[in-house]
N, C-alpha and C. Protein backbone atom coordinates (compact mmCIF):
# COMPACT_ATOMS: atom_id res chain seq x y z
N UNK A 1 0.84 -1.20 0.00
CA UNK A 1 0.00 0.00 0.00
C UNK A 1 0.87 1.25 0.00
N UNK A 2 0.45 2.27 -0.76
CA UNK A 2 1.21 3.50 -0.82
C UNK A 2 1.18 4.20 0.54
N UNK A 3 2.19 5.06 0.76
CA UNK A 3 2.30 5.76 2.04
C UNK A 3 1.08 6.66 2.24
N UNK A 4 0.62 6.73 3.49
CA UNK A 4 -0.50 7.60 3.83
C UNK A 4 0.05 8.93 4.29
N UNK A 5 -0.39 10.00 3.67
CA UNK A 5 0.13 11.32 4.02
C UNK A 5 -1.00 12.26 4.42
N UNK A 6 -0.67 13.17 5.34
CA UNK A 6 -1.63 14.19 5.76
C UNK A 6 -0.95 15.55 5.66
N UNK A 7 -1.76 16.59 5.54
CA UNK A 7 -1.21 17.94 5.43
C UNK A 7 -0.71 18.42 6.78
N UNK A 8 0.49 18.98 6.79
CA UNK A 8 1.08 19.52 8.01
C UNK A 8 0.86 21.03 8.02
N UNK A 9 0.27 21.55 9.11
CA UNK A 9 -0.02 22.99 9.19
C UNK A 9 0.62 23.61 10.42
N UNK A 10 0.86 24.93 10.35
CA UNK A 10 1.41 25.63 11.51
C UNK A 10 0.28 26.28 12.30
N UNK A 11 0.63 27.09 13.31
CA UNK A 11 -0.39 27.69 14.18
C UNK A 11 -1.22 28.76 13.48
N UNK A 12 -0.79 29.16 12.27
CA UNK A 12 -1.57 30.13 11.49
C UNK A 12 -2.42 29.43 10.44
N UNK A 13 -2.44 28.11 10.47
CA UNK A 13 -3.21 27.28 9.53
C UNK A 13 -2.64 27.29 8.12
N UNK A 14 -1.37 27.66 8.01
CA UNK A 14 -0.71 27.59 6.70
C UNK A 14 -0.18 26.18 6.49
N UNK A 15 -0.37 25.64 5.29
CA UNK A 15 0.16 24.30 4.99
C UNK A 15 1.65 24.41 4.73
N UNK A 16 2.44 23.74 5.56
CA UNK A 16 3.90 23.86 5.47
C UNK A 16 4.56 22.57 4.97
N UNK A 17 3.75 21.57 4.67
CA UNK A 17 4.33 20.33 4.16
C UNK A 17 3.38 19.17 4.35
N UNK A 18 3.95 17.98 4.32
CA UNK A 18 3.18 16.75 4.53
C UNK A 18 3.85 15.89 5.58
N UNK A 19 3.07 15.05 6.21
CA UNK A 19 3.62 14.13 7.20
C UNK A 19 3.10 12.73 6.89
N UNK A 20 3.98 11.76 7.02
CA UNK A 20 3.61 10.38 6.70
C UNK A 20 3.00 9.71 7.92
N UNK A 21 1.93 8.96 7.69
CA UNK A 21 1.24 8.25 8.76
C UNK A 21 1.30 6.75 8.51
N UNK A 22 1.35 5.94 9.57
CA UNK A 22 1.43 4.48 9.40
C UNK A 22 0.22 3.94 8.64
N UNK A 23 0.48 3.22 7.56
CA UNK A 23 -0.63 2.72 6.73
C UNK A 23 -1.46 1.65 7.42
N UNK A 24 -0.86 0.94 8.40
CA UNK A 24 -1.64 -0.10 9.09
C UNK A 24 -2.61 0.50 10.11
N UNK A 25 -2.47 1.81 10.38
CA UNK A 25 -3.39 2.48 11.30
C UNK A 25 -4.33 3.43 10.57
N UNK A 26 -3.82 4.08 9.54
CA UNK A 26 -4.61 5.11 8.84
C UNK A 26 -4.99 4.70 7.41
N UNK A 27 -4.64 3.49 7.02
CA UNK A 27 -4.95 3.05 5.66
C UNK A 27 -5.78 1.78 5.62
N UNK A 28 -6.57 1.57 6.67
CA UNK A 28 -7.41 0.37 6.75
C UNK A 28 -8.72 0.61 6.00
N UNK A 29 -9.10 -0.32 5.16
CA UNK A 29 -10.35 -0.17 4.39
C UNK A 29 -11.55 -0.20 5.34
N UNK A 30 -12.35 0.88 5.37
CA UNK A 30 -13.51 0.92 6.27
C UNK A 30 -14.59 -0.08 5.87
N UNK A 31 -15.22 -0.70 6.87
CA UNK A 31 -16.36 -1.59 6.64
C UNK A 31 -17.55 -1.02 7.40
N UNK A 32 -18.59 -0.69 6.66
CA UNK A 32 -19.75 -0.02 7.24
C UNK A 32 -20.36 -0.85 8.38
N UNK A 33 -20.47 -2.15 8.19
CA UNK A 33 -21.08 -3.01 9.20
C UNK A 33 -20.34 -2.96 10.52
N UNK A 34 -19.02 -3.02 10.46
CA UNK A 34 -18.22 -3.00 11.69
C UNK A 34 -18.30 -1.64 12.37
N UNK A 35 -18.22 -0.56 11.57
CA UNK A 35 -18.32 0.79 12.14
C UNK A 35 -19.69 0.99 12.80
N UNK A 36 -20.72 0.48 12.15
CA UNK A 36 -22.07 0.59 12.71
C UNK A 36 -22.16 -0.12 14.05
N UNK A 37 -21.55 -1.29 14.14
CA UNK A 37 -21.60 -2.07 15.38
C UNK A 37 -20.88 -1.34 16.52
N UNK A 38 -19.74 -0.72 16.21
CA UNK A 38 -18.99 0.01 17.24
C UNK A 38 -19.77 1.24 17.70
N UNK A 39 -20.37 1.97 16.76
CA UNK A 39 -21.16 3.15 17.12
C UNK A 39 -22.37 2.74 17.96
N UNK A 40 -23.01 1.64 17.60
CA UNK A 40 -24.15 1.13 18.36
C UNK A 40 -23.73 0.77 19.78
N UNK A 41 -22.55 0.16 19.91
CA UNK A 41 -22.01 -0.20 21.23
C UNK A 41 -21.76 1.06 22.07
N UNK A 42 -21.17 2.09 21.42
CA UNK A 42 -20.91 3.34 22.14
C UNK A 42 -22.20 3.97 22.64
N UNK A 43 -23.18 4.09 21.75
CA UNK A 43 -24.42 4.77 22.10
C UNK A 43 -25.21 3.99 23.14
N UNK A 44 -25.10 2.67 23.11
CA UNK A 44 -25.78 1.85 24.12
C UNK A 44 -25.18 2.11 25.50
N UNK A 45 -23.87 2.32 25.55
CA UNK A 45 -23.20 2.60 26.84
C UNK A 45 -23.59 3.98 27.37
N UNK A 46 -23.91 4.90 26.46
CA UNK A 46 -24.28 6.26 26.89
C UNK A 46 -25.71 6.35 27.41
N UNK A 47 -26.55 5.36 27.06
CA UNK A 47 -27.96 5.43 27.47
C UNK A 47 -28.09 5.34 28.98
N UNK A 48 -28.92 6.20 29.55
CA UNK A 48 -29.09 6.22 31.00
C UNK A 48 -29.84 4.98 31.48
N UNK A 49 -30.80 4.53 30.70
CA UNK A 49 -31.57 3.34 31.09
C UNK A 49 -32.42 3.57 32.32
N UNK A 50 -32.91 4.81 32.52
CA UNK A 50 -33.67 5.14 33.73
C UNK A 50 -35.18 5.21 33.48
N UNK A 51 -35.63 4.98 32.23
CA UNK A 51 -37.07 5.03 31.94
C UNK A 51 -37.80 4.00 32.80
N UNK A 52 -38.91 4.45 33.41
CA UNK A 52 -39.62 3.54 34.32
C UNK A 52 -41.12 3.85 34.31
N UNK A 53 -41.93 2.83 34.14
CA UNK A 53 -43.39 3.00 34.22
C UNK A 53 -43.93 2.09 35.32
N UNK A 54 -45.14 2.41 35.79
CA UNK A 54 -45.75 1.61 36.86
C UNK A 54 -46.72 0.58 36.28
N UNK A 55 -46.66 -0.60 36.82
CA UNK A 55 -47.62 -1.64 36.43
C UNK A 55 -48.91 -1.43 37.23
N UNK A 56 -49.94 -2.22 36.94
CA UNK A 56 -51.21 -2.07 37.67
C UNK A 56 -51.04 -2.35 39.16
N UNK A 57 -50.01 -3.13 39.50
CA UNK A 57 -49.77 -3.42 40.90
C UNK A 57 -49.05 -2.30 41.63
N UNK A 58 -48.46 -1.38 40.87
CA UNK A 58 -47.69 -0.29 41.49
C UNK A 58 -48.44 1.04 41.52
N UNK A 59 -49.48 1.18 40.67
CA UNK A 59 -50.24 2.43 40.65
C UNK A 59 -51.09 2.52 41.92
N UNK A 60 -51.20 3.72 42.48
CA UNK A 60 -51.94 3.90 43.73
C UNK A 60 -53.44 3.73 43.49
N UNK A 61 -54.09 3.04 44.39
CA UNK A 61 -55.54 2.87 44.33
C UNK A 61 -55.94 1.65 43.52
N UNK A 62 -57.25 1.53 43.31
CA UNK A 62 -57.76 0.46 42.46
C UNK A 62 -57.93 -0.87 43.14
N UNK A 63 -57.93 -0.90 44.46
CA UNK A 63 -58.05 -2.18 45.16
C UNK A 63 -59.47 -2.73 45.16
N UNK A 64 -60.45 -1.82 45.08
CA UNK A 64 -61.86 -2.25 45.16
C UNK A 64 -62.42 -2.46 43.76
N UNK A 65 -63.26 -3.45 43.61
CA UNK A 65 -63.94 -3.68 42.32
C UNK A 65 -64.91 -2.52 42.08
N UNK A 66 -64.83 -1.85 40.90
CA UNK A 66 -65.62 -0.62 40.70
C UNK A 66 -67.14 -0.83 40.72
N UNK A 67 -67.63 -1.95 40.24
CA UNK A 67 -69.07 -2.27 40.32
C UNK A 67 -69.22 -3.79 40.30
N UNK A 68 -70.38 -4.28 40.67
CA UNK A 68 -70.59 -5.74 40.71
C UNK A 68 -70.33 -6.40 39.36
N UNK A 69 -70.00 -7.66 39.43
CA UNK A 69 -69.67 -8.41 38.21
C UNK A 69 -70.89 -8.52 37.28
N UNK A 70 -72.07 -8.69 37.86
CA UNK A 70 -73.27 -8.96 37.03
C UNK A 70 -74.40 -7.96 37.30
N UNK A 71 -75.36 -7.96 36.36
CA UNK A 71 -76.63 -7.25 36.52
C UNK A 71 -76.52 -5.73 36.47
N UNK A 72 -75.45 -5.19 35.91
CA UNK A 72 -75.37 -3.73 35.76
C UNK A 72 -75.50 -3.33 34.29
N UNK A 73 -75.33 -4.27 33.39
CA UNK A 73 -75.37 -3.97 31.96
C UNK A 73 -74.04 -3.43 31.45
N UNK A 74 -73.09 -3.28 32.32
CA UNK A 74 -71.78 -2.73 31.93
C UNK A 74 -70.76 -3.86 31.79
N UNK A 75 -69.68 -3.55 31.09
CA UNK A 75 -68.61 -4.54 30.94
C UNK A 75 -67.99 -4.81 32.30
N UNK A 76 -67.61 -6.04 32.51
CA UNK A 76 -67.03 -6.41 33.81
C UNK A 76 -65.66 -5.76 33.98
N UNK A 77 -65.42 -5.26 35.18
CA UNK A 77 -64.14 -4.62 35.50
C UNK A 77 -63.71 -5.08 36.89
N UNK A 78 -62.39 -5.25 37.04
CA UNK A 78 -61.91 -5.71 38.34
C UNK A 78 -61.20 -4.61 39.12
N UNK A 79 -60.70 -3.58 38.40
CA UNK A 79 -59.95 -2.53 39.08
C UNK A 79 -59.90 -1.29 38.18
N UNK A 80 -59.94 -0.12 38.79
CA UNK A 80 -59.83 1.12 38.00
C UNK A 80 -58.38 1.41 37.63
N UNK A 81 -57.47 0.53 38.04
CA UNK A 81 -56.05 0.71 37.68
C UNK A 81 -55.60 -0.35 36.67
N UNK A 82 -56.57 -1.04 36.07
CA UNK A 82 -56.24 -1.99 35.00
C UNK A 82 -55.73 -1.20 33.78
N UNK A 83 -54.94 -1.80 32.92
CA UNK A 83 -54.30 -1.08 31.81
C UNK A 83 -55.26 -0.35 30.87
N UNK A 84 -56.50 -0.84 30.73
CA UNK A 84 -57.42 -0.19 29.79
C UNK A 84 -58.05 1.09 30.35
N UNK A 85 -57.82 1.37 31.63
CA UNK A 85 -58.38 2.58 32.25
C UNK A 85 -57.39 3.73 32.15
N UNK A 86 -57.96 4.95 32.01
CA UNK A 86 -57.11 6.14 32.09
C UNK A 86 -56.56 6.22 33.50
N UNK A 87 -55.25 6.39 33.62
CA UNK A 87 -54.62 6.40 34.94
C UNK A 87 -54.27 5.02 35.43
N UNK A 88 -54.51 4.02 34.59
CA UNK A 88 -54.18 2.65 34.97
C UNK A 88 -52.72 2.33 34.75
N UNK A 89 -52.33 1.12 35.10
CA UNK A 89 -50.94 0.70 34.94
C UNK A 89 -50.57 0.50 33.48
N UNK A 90 -49.28 0.40 33.23
CA UNK A 90 -48.77 0.20 31.87
C UNK A 90 -48.35 -1.26 31.70
N UNK A 91 -48.74 -1.84 30.58
CA UNK A 91 -48.38 -3.23 30.29
C UNK A 91 -47.06 -3.26 29.53
N UNK A 92 -46.14 -4.07 29.98
CA UNK A 92 -44.84 -4.26 29.31
C UNK A 92 -44.09 -2.94 29.09
N UNK A 93 -44.26 -2.00 30.02
CA UNK A 93 -43.55 -0.72 29.90
C UNK A 93 -42.09 -0.85 30.27
N UNK A 94 -41.30 0.21 30.01
CA UNK A 94 -39.87 0.15 30.32
C UNK A 94 -39.59 0.15 31.82
N UNK A 95 -38.54 -0.54 32.20
CA UNK A 95 -38.06 -0.56 33.57
C UNK A 95 -36.57 -0.23 33.53
N UNK A 96 -36.01 0.32 34.62
CA UNK A 96 -34.57 0.63 34.61
C UNK A 96 -33.73 -0.58 34.22
N UNK A 97 -32.81 -0.38 33.29
CA UNK A 97 -31.96 -1.49 32.82
C UNK A 97 -30.71 -0.91 32.18
N UNK A 98 -29.72 -1.76 32.00
CA UNK A 98 -28.51 -1.38 31.28
C UNK A 98 -28.62 -1.87 29.84
N UNK A 99 -28.32 -0.98 28.90
CA UNK A 99 -28.39 -1.34 27.48
C UNK A 99 -27.03 -1.81 26.96
N UNK A 100 -26.04 -1.78 27.83
CA UNK A 100 -24.67 -2.12 27.41
C UNK A 100 -24.56 -3.57 26.96
N UNK A 101 -23.74 -3.79 25.96
CA UNK A 101 -23.46 -5.17 25.53
C UNK A 101 -21.97 -5.30 25.25
N UNK A 102 -21.49 -6.53 25.21
CA UNK A 102 -20.06 -6.79 25.07
C UNK A 102 -19.62 -6.64 23.62
N UNK A 103 -18.50 -5.97 23.44
CA UNK A 103 -17.88 -5.89 22.12
C UNK A 103 -16.37 -6.06 22.33
N UNK A 104 -15.77 -7.01 21.65
CA UNK A 104 -14.37 -7.32 21.87
C UNK A 104 -13.46 -6.12 21.62
N UNK A 105 -12.39 -6.04 22.42
CA UNK A 105 -11.44 -4.92 22.28
C UNK A 105 -10.84 -4.87 20.88
N UNK A 106 -10.58 -6.03 20.31
CA UNK A 106 -10.00 -6.07 18.96
C UNK A 106 -10.92 -5.41 17.95
N UNK A 107 -12.21 -5.65 18.10
CA UNK A 107 -13.19 -5.06 17.18
C UNK A 107 -13.26 -3.55 17.39
N UNK A 108 -13.24 -3.12 18.66
CA UNK A 108 -13.30 -1.69 18.96
C UNK A 108 -12.07 -0.97 18.42
N UNK A 109 -10.92 -1.61 18.58
CA UNK A 109 -9.66 -1.02 18.08
C UNK A 109 -9.67 -0.94 16.56
N UNK A 110 -10.15 -2.00 15.93
CA UNK A 110 -10.23 -2.01 14.46
C UNK A 110 -11.20 -0.94 13.97
N UNK A 111 -12.30 -0.76 14.70
CA UNK A 111 -13.27 0.28 14.34
C UNK A 111 -12.65 1.66 14.38
N UNK A 112 -11.80 1.90 15.38
CA UNK A 112 -11.12 3.20 15.50
C UNK A 112 -10.15 3.42 14.34
N UNK A 113 -9.44 2.36 13.97
CA UNK A 113 -8.53 2.46 12.81
C UNK A 113 -9.32 2.77 11.53
N UNK A 114 -10.45 2.09 11.37
CA UNK A 114 -11.27 2.30 10.18
C UNK A 114 -11.84 3.71 10.13
N UNK A 115 -12.26 4.22 11.30
CA UNK A 115 -12.82 5.57 11.35
C UNK A 115 -11.75 6.60 10.98
N UNK A 116 -10.55 6.44 11.53
CA UNK A 116 -9.44 7.34 11.19
C UNK A 116 -9.11 7.23 9.70
N UNK A 117 -9.08 6.01 9.20
CA UNK A 117 -8.77 5.78 7.79
C UNK A 117 -9.81 6.40 6.87
N UNK A 118 -11.07 6.41 7.33
CA UNK A 118 -12.14 6.97 6.49
C UNK A 118 -11.94 8.46 6.27
N UNK A 119 -11.25 9.12 7.20
CA UNK A 119 -10.98 10.55 7.06
C UNK A 119 -9.66 10.80 6.33
N UNK A 120 -8.68 9.96 6.56
CA UNK A 120 -7.36 10.16 5.95
C UNK A 120 -7.30 9.57 4.55
N UNK A 121 -7.45 8.26 4.50
CA UNK A 121 -7.22 7.49 3.27
C UNK A 121 -8.31 7.75 2.23
N UNK A 122 -9.56 7.84 2.69
CA UNK A 122 -10.68 7.96 1.76
C UNK A 122 -10.98 9.41 1.38
N UNK A 123 -11.10 10.27 2.39
CA UNK A 123 -11.57 11.63 2.13
C UNK A 123 -10.46 12.68 2.10
N UNK A 124 -9.27 12.31 2.57
CA UNK A 124 -8.15 13.26 2.63
C UNK A 124 -8.55 14.53 3.38
N UNK A 125 -9.25 14.33 4.52
CA UNK A 125 -9.70 15.48 5.29
C UNK A 125 -9.04 15.48 6.67
N UNK A 126 -7.74 15.23 6.67
CA UNK A 126 -6.99 15.21 7.93
C UNK A 126 -5.84 16.21 7.87
N UNK A 127 -5.70 16.97 8.95
CA UNK A 127 -4.59 17.91 9.07
C UNK A 127 -3.82 17.56 10.33
N UNK A 128 -2.51 17.72 10.27
CA UNK A 128 -1.68 17.54 11.47
C UNK A 128 -1.13 18.91 11.83
N UNK A 129 -1.47 19.39 13.03
CA UNK A 129 -1.10 20.74 13.44
C UNK A 129 0.13 20.71 14.34
N UNK A 130 1.13 21.51 13.97
CA UNK A 130 2.33 21.62 14.83
C UNK A 130 1.98 22.33 16.12
N UNK A 131 1.05 23.28 16.04
CA UNK A 131 0.63 24.04 17.21
C UNK A 131 -0.74 24.67 16.92
N UNK A 132 -1.38 25.19 17.98
CA UNK A 132 -2.66 25.87 17.81
C UNK A 132 -2.53 27.32 18.25
N UNK A 133 -3.32 28.22 17.67
CA UNK A 133 -3.16 29.65 17.98
C UNK A 133 -3.65 30.04 19.36
N UNK A 134 -4.52 29.23 19.97
CA UNK A 134 -5.06 29.55 21.30
C UNK A 134 -4.18 28.93 22.37
N UNK A 135 -3.61 29.78 23.24
CA UNK A 135 -2.67 29.24 24.23
C UNK A 135 -2.96 29.73 25.65
N UNK A 136 -2.91 31.04 25.87
CA UNK A 136 -2.98 31.57 27.23
C UNK A 136 -4.39 31.61 27.81
N UNK A 137 -5.36 31.99 26.99
CA UNK A 137 -6.75 32.05 27.47
C UNK A 137 -7.70 31.72 26.32
N UNK A 138 -8.92 31.26 26.65
CA UNK A 138 -9.87 30.88 25.60
C UNK A 138 -10.20 32.03 24.66
N UNK A 139 -10.13 31.78 23.37
CA UNK A 139 -10.46 32.79 22.36
C UNK A 139 -11.19 32.10 21.19
N UNK A 140 -12.50 32.18 21.22
CA UNK A 140 -13.29 31.54 20.16
C UNK A 140 -12.99 32.14 18.80
N UNK A 141 -12.86 33.46 18.76
CA UNK A 141 -12.63 34.15 17.47
C UNK A 141 -11.31 33.70 16.84
N UNK A 142 -10.29 33.54 17.67
CA UNK A 142 -8.97 33.13 17.15
C UNK A 142 -9.06 31.72 16.57
N UNK A 143 -9.74 30.82 17.27
CA UNK A 143 -9.89 29.45 16.78
C UNK A 143 -10.73 29.42 15.50
N UNK A 144 -11.78 30.26 15.46
CA UNK A 144 -12.63 30.31 14.26
C UNK A 144 -11.83 30.81 13.05
N UNK A 145 -11.00 31.82 13.27
CA UNK A 145 -10.16 32.34 12.17
C UNK A 145 -9.19 31.27 11.67
N UNK A 146 -8.68 30.48 12.61
CA UNK A 146 -7.77 29.38 12.28
C UNK A 146 -8.46 28.38 11.35
N UNK A 147 -9.70 28.03 11.70
CA UNK A 147 -10.47 27.08 10.88
C UNK A 147 -10.90 27.70 9.55
N UNK A 148 -11.24 29.00 9.59
CA UNK A 148 -11.63 29.69 8.35
C UNK A 148 -10.48 29.70 7.34
N UNK A 149 -9.26 29.84 7.85
CA UNK A 149 -8.09 29.84 6.96
C UNK A 149 -7.97 28.49 6.25
N UNK A 150 -8.35 27.43 6.96
CA UNK A 150 -8.32 26.09 6.35
C UNK A 150 -9.54 25.86 5.45
N UNK A 151 -10.52 26.76 5.57
CA UNK A 151 -11.73 26.63 4.76
C UNK A 151 -12.70 25.59 5.30
N UNK A 152 -12.68 25.38 6.62
CA UNK A 152 -13.58 24.39 7.23
C UNK A 152 -14.31 24.99 8.43
N UNK A 153 -15.47 24.45 8.75
CA UNK A 153 -16.19 24.89 9.96
C UNK A 153 -16.68 23.70 10.79
N UNK A 154 -16.30 22.51 10.34
CA UNK A 154 -16.71 21.28 11.02
C UNK A 154 -15.45 20.43 11.24
N UNK A 155 -15.04 20.29 12.50
CA UNK A 155 -13.78 19.57 12.74
C UNK A 155 -13.74 18.95 14.13
N UNK A 156 -13.06 17.82 14.20
CA UNK A 156 -12.72 17.20 15.48
C UNK A 156 -11.23 17.44 15.69
N UNK A 157 -10.91 18.11 16.80
CA UNK A 157 -9.51 18.42 17.11
C UNK A 157 -9.03 17.45 18.18
N UNK A 158 -7.94 16.76 17.91
CA UNK A 158 -7.42 15.76 18.85
C UNK A 158 -6.08 16.22 19.41
N UNK A 159 -6.01 16.31 20.73
CA UNK A 159 -4.79 16.77 21.41
C UNK A 159 -4.29 15.64 22.32
N UNK A 160 -3.00 15.68 22.71
CA UNK A 160 -2.45 14.58 23.52
C UNK A 160 -3.12 14.42 24.88
N UNK A 161 -3.42 15.55 25.53
CA UNK A 161 -4.08 15.52 26.84
C UNK A 161 -5.15 16.60 26.87
N UNK A 162 -6.02 16.55 27.86
CA UNK A 162 -7.10 17.54 27.93
C UNK A 162 -6.53 18.95 27.93
N UNK A 163 -7.13 19.81 27.09
CA UNK A 163 -6.70 21.19 26.96
C UNK A 163 -7.94 22.06 27.17
N UNK A 164 -8.13 22.52 28.42
CA UNK A 164 -9.35 23.26 28.77
C UNK A 164 -9.46 24.58 28.01
N UNK A 165 -8.32 25.21 27.74
CA UNK A 165 -8.34 26.49 27.01
C UNK A 165 -8.88 26.27 25.59
N UNK A 166 -8.38 25.24 24.95
CA UNK A 166 -8.84 24.93 23.59
C UNK A 166 -10.30 24.45 23.60
N UNK A 167 -10.66 23.68 24.61
CA UNK A 167 -12.04 23.19 24.72
C UNK A 167 -13.02 24.34 24.88
N UNK A 168 -12.68 25.30 25.75
CA UNK A 168 -13.56 26.45 25.97
C UNK A 168 -13.62 27.34 24.73
N UNK A 169 -12.53 27.40 23.99
CA UNK A 169 -12.52 28.19 22.76
C UNK A 169 -13.47 27.60 21.73
N UNK A 170 -13.65 26.29 21.78
CA UNK A 170 -14.51 25.61 20.80
C UNK A 170 -15.96 25.48 21.26
N UNK A 171 -16.24 25.87 22.52
CA UNK A 171 -17.59 25.68 23.08
C UNK A 171 -18.69 26.32 22.24
N UNK A 172 -18.43 27.52 21.72
CA UNK A 172 -19.47 28.23 20.96
C UNK A 172 -19.39 27.98 19.45
N UNK A 173 -18.57 27.03 19.06
CA UNK A 173 -18.51 26.63 17.65
C UNK A 173 -19.24 25.30 17.54
N UNK A 174 -20.48 25.31 17.06
CA UNK A 174 -21.35 24.13 17.15
C UNK A 174 -20.83 22.86 16.49
N UNK A 175 -20.00 23.00 15.46
CA UNK A 175 -19.54 21.81 14.74
C UNK A 175 -18.08 21.48 15.03
N UNK A 176 -17.57 22.05 16.12
CA UNK A 176 -16.16 21.82 16.48
C UNK A 176 -16.09 21.18 17.86
N UNK A 177 -15.28 20.15 17.98
CA UNK A 177 -15.12 19.47 19.27
C UNK A 177 -13.65 19.18 19.50
N UNK A 178 -13.22 19.31 20.76
CA UNK A 178 -11.83 19.03 21.13
C UNK A 178 -11.81 17.81 22.04
N UNK A 179 -10.97 16.83 21.68
CA UNK A 179 -10.87 15.60 22.47
C UNK A 179 -9.41 15.28 22.76
N UNK A 180 -9.16 14.71 23.94
CA UNK A 180 -7.84 14.16 24.22
C UNK A 180 -7.76 12.78 23.57
N UNK A 181 -6.54 12.30 23.34
CA UNK A 181 -6.35 10.98 22.71
C UNK A 181 -7.11 9.90 23.48
N UNK A 182 -7.10 10.03 24.80
CA UNK A 182 -7.76 9.04 25.65
C UNK A 182 -9.26 8.93 25.33
N UNK A 183 -9.87 10.06 24.92
CA UNK A 183 -11.31 10.07 24.64
C UNK A 183 -11.66 9.89 23.18
N UNK A 184 -10.66 9.68 22.33
CA UNK A 184 -10.90 9.53 20.89
C UNK A 184 -11.80 8.32 20.64
N UNK A 185 -12.85 8.52 19.85
CA UNK A 185 -13.80 7.44 19.63
C UNK A 185 -14.38 7.48 18.22
N UNK A 186 -14.94 6.37 17.81
CA UNK A 186 -15.46 6.20 16.45
C UNK A 186 -16.61 7.17 16.16
N UNK A 187 -17.54 7.30 17.10
CA UNK A 187 -18.72 8.16 16.88
C UNK A 187 -18.31 9.59 16.55
N UNK A 188 -17.42 10.17 17.36
CA UNK A 188 -17.04 11.57 17.14
C UNK A 188 -16.25 11.76 15.85
N UNK A 189 -15.42 10.78 15.50
CA UNK A 189 -14.67 10.89 14.24
C UNK A 189 -15.64 10.91 13.06
N UNK A 190 -16.61 10.00 13.07
CA UNK A 190 -17.56 9.92 11.96
C UNK A 190 -18.55 11.08 11.97
N UNK A 191 -18.72 11.71 13.13
CA UNK A 191 -19.69 12.80 13.26
C UNK A 191 -19.12 14.14 12.80
N UNK A 192 -17.83 14.17 12.45
CA UNK A 192 -17.20 15.40 11.97
C UNK A 192 -16.57 15.16 10.61
N UNK A 193 -16.65 16.17 9.76
CA UNK A 193 -16.13 16.04 8.40
C UNK A 193 -14.61 16.04 8.36
N UNK A 194 -14.00 16.85 9.22
CA UNK A 194 -12.54 17.02 9.19
C UNK A 194 -11.91 16.60 10.51
N UNK A 195 -10.66 16.21 10.43
CA UNK A 195 -9.91 15.76 11.60
C UNK A 195 -8.62 16.57 11.69
N UNK A 196 -8.41 17.23 12.83
CA UNK A 196 -7.16 17.97 13.04
C UNK A 196 -6.43 17.32 14.21
N UNK A 197 -5.30 16.71 13.92
CA UNK A 197 -4.53 16.00 14.94
C UNK A 197 -3.33 16.86 15.36
N UNK A 198 -3.17 17.05 16.66
CA UNK A 198 -1.96 17.72 17.13
C UNK A 198 -0.78 16.80 16.84
N UNK A 199 0.32 17.38 16.40
CA UNK A 199 1.48 16.56 16.01
C UNK A 199 1.97 15.71 17.17
N UNK A 200 1.97 16.31 18.38
CA UNK A 200 2.45 15.55 19.54
C UNK A 200 1.42 14.54 20.05
N UNK A 201 0.23 14.49 19.41
CA UNK A 201 -0.76 13.48 19.77
C UNK A 201 -0.57 12.19 18.97
N UNK A 202 0.16 12.28 17.85
CA UNK A 202 0.33 11.12 16.97
C UNK A 202 0.95 9.91 17.67
N UNK A 203 2.06 10.10 18.44
CA UNK A 203 2.64 8.93 19.13
C UNK A 203 1.66 8.28 20.11
N UNK A 204 0.84 9.11 20.77
CA UNK A 204 -0.12 8.58 21.75
C UNK A 204 -1.25 7.81 21.05
N UNK A 205 -1.67 8.32 19.88
CA UNK A 205 -2.70 7.60 19.12
C UNK A 205 -2.15 6.24 18.68
N UNK A 206 -0.90 6.27 18.21
CA UNK A 206 -0.27 5.02 17.76
C UNK A 206 -0.14 4.03 18.91
N UNK A 207 0.27 4.54 20.07
CA UNK A 207 0.42 3.68 21.25
C UNK A 207 -0.92 3.05 21.64
N UNK A 208 -1.98 3.87 21.58
CA UNK A 208 -3.31 3.36 21.95
C UNK A 208 -3.81 2.31 20.96
N UNK A 209 -3.54 2.50 19.68
CA UNK A 209 -4.04 1.57 18.66
C UNK A 209 -3.21 0.30 18.56
N UNK A 210 -2.01 0.31 19.14
CA UNK A 210 -1.15 -0.88 19.06
C UNK A 210 -1.12 -1.67 20.37
N UNK A 211 -1.94 -1.31 21.33
CA UNK A 211 -1.95 -2.01 22.61
C UNK A 211 -2.26 -3.49 22.44
């Protein structure tokens, strides 16, 4: 396979060259089925699972039979909290549960490689930044100008460790998200058109994908 290359940019968003990326990490052919499974696994883990309804046995009241069984001309009823009554219990309603399911680490790791590859190898929408313009304090305008210079408004920025200044700078940019390598995931990669990797984050990404 030919070498995988990404555009190298400086803190002013000027393209200053290219950087080679490992083809076994960034040149993996994406498979929609596998990516879908990993995203489904992620979203299942995020679900709170707190939805809860009351059955007829849990709803308050309804212990007395509303009218005699016979000789009223009305349909027989045993409780005003039966499911067919307004205010009655719910049949087969949701109860608190965990939606999480097992997905092998190898599959999750492969999914991450495929997601990265889908941006690098397939779409060529990856930039490697030597540095970012926001350093001392959060500046949304500075970060927006940086992205405007690249001609993009939708990006996932990956840094080696949490960077609160950069995160706060991106807070008011609806299509921009900043993640540390530790939090890098398939859903967020696929949810953004462009990927901006900090140069010093590359070794950490490689270390994580080769575990």
